[in-house]
Amino acid sequence: MTEVVENLWKEYCSTLNSQESLICLNEPYEVWDFGVERESSEKLKSLVLNGKKTATTGLRDNDNPVPLPGSKAIILDNDGLPFCVIEYAEITVKPFNEVAFDYAMLEGENATLAEWQQEHRKIFSEWRKVEGTSFSDTDPVICHIFKLVFVP
């Protein structure tokens, strides 16, 4: 974990009341980026910061635990710098082909479920290719609904 990420976490924790702040400083949190090219990453960052993106979807990786509702994450921009803290409100694991329109629209990126599926199918296929496997519409995905809790 970089110093800049740790400092952002400390800054976030300092905004809470004294008891919550002490708990927060010892609380685990995730750190991640959107894993896409710069232009797309900047667009996603803007959508998060203006409240239009309140969900994100990732491939289910059996090597990593599924986050719990109430847990937090720091999102990094394309330069690896943290730009916000989010809190997971709802986490669901389901096959890709069972993701519903209402959830897909929370991602704020597409106007239709078909567009959302096409975009995510492309990204997930690229990620699986790097792993030496292929993506299937029945692969499990993690649907994260979140709220923005801190912007420095």
Protein backbone atom coordinates (compact mmCIF):
# COMPACT_ATOMS: atom_id res chain seq x y z
CA MET A 1 0.00 0.00 0.00
CA THR A 2 1.40 3.38 -0.92
CA GLU A 3 1.80 6.25 1.49
CA VAL A 4 -0.62 8.40 -0.49
CA VAL A 5 -3.32 5.71 -0.15
CA GLU A 6 -2.68 5.32 3.57
CA ASN A 7 -2.83 9.10 4.02
CA LEU A 8 -6.17 9.29 2.21
CA TRP A 9 -7.55 6.57 4.50
CA LYS A 10 -6.34 8.48 7.57
CA GLU A 11 -7.88 11.66 6.20
CA TYR A 12 -11.20 9.88 5.66
CA CYS A 13 -11.12 8.37 9.17
CA SER A 14 -10.43 11.81 10.66
CA THR A 15 -13.79 13.04 9.33
CA LEU A 16 -15.64 10.61 11.61
CA ASN A 17 -16.44 11.10 15.29
CA SER A 18 -13.64 10.13 17.68
CA GLN A 19 -14.88 6.60 18.46
CA GLU A 20 -15.67 5.79 14.82
CA SER A 21 -12.34 7.29 13.77
CA LEU A 22 -10.40 4.92 16.05
CA ILE A 23 -12.31 1.94 14.68
CA CYS A 24 -11.84 3.16 11.12
CA LEU A 25 -8.06 3.42 11.42
CA ASN A 26 -7.90 -0.32 12.15
CA GLU A 27 -10.54 -1.35 9.65
CA PRO A 28 -9.43 -3.23 6.53
CA TYR A 29 -10.26 -1.71 3.17
CA GLU A 30 -9.83 -2.60 -0.48
CA VAL A 31 -7.81 -0.59 -2.97
CA TRP A 32 -8.52 -0.94 -6.68
CA ASP A 33 -8.75 0.82 -10.00
CA PHE A 34 -11.11 0.31 -12.89
CA GLY A 35 -8.53 -1.70 -14.85
CA VAL A 36 -9.25 0.00 -18.14
CA GLU A 37 -7.47 2.45 -20.46
CA ARG A 38 -6.95 6.06 -19.36
CA GLU A 39 -9.86 7.62 -21.25
CA SER A 40 -12.37 5.10 -19.92
CA SER A 41 -10.89 5.33 -16.43
CA GLU A 42 -11.27 9.12 -16.40
CA LYS A 43 -14.89 8.79 -17.58
CA LEU A 44 -15.64 6.27 -14.81
CA LYS A 45 -13.94 8.49 -12.23
CA SER A 46 -16.11 11.42 -13.31
CA LEU A 47 -19.27 9.29 -13.14
CA VAL A 48 -18.41 8.20 -9.57
CA LEU A 49 -17.62 11.72 -8.43
CA ASN A 50 -20.81 13.22 -9.89
CA GLY A 51 -22.98 10.45 -8.40
CA LYS A 52 -24.05 8.86 -11.68
CA LYS A 53 -22.07 5.66 -11.07
CA THR A 54 -23.15 3.85 -7.90
CA ALA A 55 -22.28 0.30 -8.94
CA THR A 56 -19.45 -1.65 -10.48
CA THR A 57 -19.09 -5.23 -11.62
CA GLY A 58 -16.08 -7.49 -11.48
CA LEU A 59 -15.30 -11.07 -12.29
CA ARG A 60 -15.60 -13.45 -9.35
CA ASP A 61 -12.09 -14.55 -8.46
CA ASN A 62 -12.00 -17.54 -6.11
CA ASP A 63 -8.61 -16.41 -4.79
CA ASN A 64 -10.07 -13.23 -3.27
CA PRO A 65 -12.90 -12.89 -0.77
CA VAL A 66 -16.13 -11.19 -1.74
CA PRO A 67 -16.39 -7.88 0.12
CA LEU A 68 -19.13 -7.51 2.71
CA PRO A 69 -21.77 -4.79 2.74
CA GLY A 70 -20.50 -1.96 4.91
CA SER A 71 -16.87 -2.55 3.97
CA LYS A 72 -14.99 0.22 2.25
CA ALA A 73 -12.68 0.69 -0.71
CA ILE A 74 -10.38 3.35 -2.06
CA ILE A 75 -10.59 3.80 -5.82
CA LEU A 76 -7.45 4.79 -7.71
CA ASP A 77 -7.27 6.82 -10.88
CA ASN A 78 -5.20 5.80 -13.90
CA ASP A 79 -2.07 7.31 -12.33
CA GLY A 80 -2.50 5.14 -9.25
CA LEU A 81 -3.66 8.05 -7.10
CA PRO A 82 -6.66 7.68 -4.79
CA PHE A 83 -9.63 9.87 -5.60
CA CYS A 84 -12.36 8.65 -3.25
CA VAL A 85 -13.57 6.24 -0.59
CA ILE A 86 -16.70 4.21 -1.23
CA GLU A 87 -18.78 2.01 1.04
CA TYR A 88 -20.35 -1.14 -0.34
CA ALA A 89 -24.10 -1.05 0.26
CA GLU A 90 -24.99 -4.33 -1.43
CA ILE A 91 -22.94 -7.18 -2.84
CA THR A 92 -24.36 -9.94 -5.02
CA VAL A 93 -22.63 -12.77 -6.84
CA LYS A 94 -24.50 -14.12 -9.86
CA PRO A 95 -23.88 -15.40 -13.37
CA PHE A 96 -23.13 -12.62 -15.83
CA ASN A 97 -26.23 -13.45 -17.87
CA GLU A 98 -28.47 -12.91 -14.82
CA VAL A 99 -27.47 -9.27 -14.24
CA ALA A 100 -30.65 -7.21 -14.53
CA PHE A 101 -31.30 -3.92 -16.31
CA ASP A 102 -31.89 -1.94 -13.09
CA TYR A 103 -28.51 -2.94 -11.70
CA ALA A 104 -26.67 -2.32 -14.99
CA MET A 105 -28.10 1.21 -15.11
CA LEU A 106 -26.59 1.96 -11.69
CA GLU A 107 -23.19 1.74 -13.35
CA GLY A 108 -24.07 4.93 -15.23
CA GLU A 109 -22.23 3.97 -18.39
CA ASN A 110 -24.83 2.58 -20.81
CA ALA A 111 -28.41 3.25 -21.85
CA THR A 112 -29.48 -0.36 -22.34
CA LEU A 113 -28.76 -3.75 -20.82
CA ALA A 114 -27.53 -4.95 -24.23
CA GLU A 115 -24.93 -2.13 -24.34
CA TRP A 116 -23.86 -2.92 -20.76
CA GLN A 117 -23.49 -6.61 -21.61
CA GLN A 118 -21.51 -5.86 -24.77
CA GLU A 119 -19.08 -3.53 -22.93
CA HIS A 120 -18.58 -5.87 -19.99
CA ARG A 121 -18.32 -8.97 -22.15
CA LYS A 122 -15.46 -7.26 -24.03
CA ILE A 123 -13.64 -6.22 -20.84
CA PHE A 124 -14.14 -9.55 -19.08
CA SER A 125 -13.00 -11.46 -22.19
CA GLU A 126 -9.81 -9.38 -22.29
CA TRP A 127 -9.15 -10.06 -18.58
CA ARG A 128 -9.73 -13.80 -19.00
CA LYS A 129 -7.47 -13.87 -22.07
CA VAL A 130 -4.63 -12.45 -19.94
CA GLU A 131 -5.28 -15.30 -17.48
CA GLY A 132 -5.15 -17.83 -20.31
CA THR A 133 -8.85 -18.69 -20.08
CA SER A 134 -12.02 -17.54 -21.79
CA PHE A 135 -15.10 -15.70 -20.57
CA SER A 136 -18.57 -17.22 -20.63
CA ASP A 137 -21.94 -15.56 -20.04
CA THR A 138 -22.46 -18.02 -17.19
CA ASP A 139 -19.27 -16.96 -15.36
CA PRO A 140 -19.99 -15.53 -11.91
CA VAL A 141 -19.61 -11.78 -11.44
CA ILE A 142 -19.65 -9.65 -8.32
CA CYS A 143 -22.21 -6.86 -8.46
CA HIS A 144 -21.17 -4.07 -6.09
CA ILE A 145 -23.65 -1.31 -5.25
CA PHE A 146 -21.84 1.46 -3.39
CA LYS A 147 -22.14 4.93 -2.00
CA LEU A 148 -19.50 7.62 -2.19
CA VAL A 149 -18.45 8.46 1.38
CA PHE A 150 -15.35 10.62 0.98
CA VAL A 151 -13.65 12.78 -1.63
CA PRO A 152 -10.44 14.56 -0.58
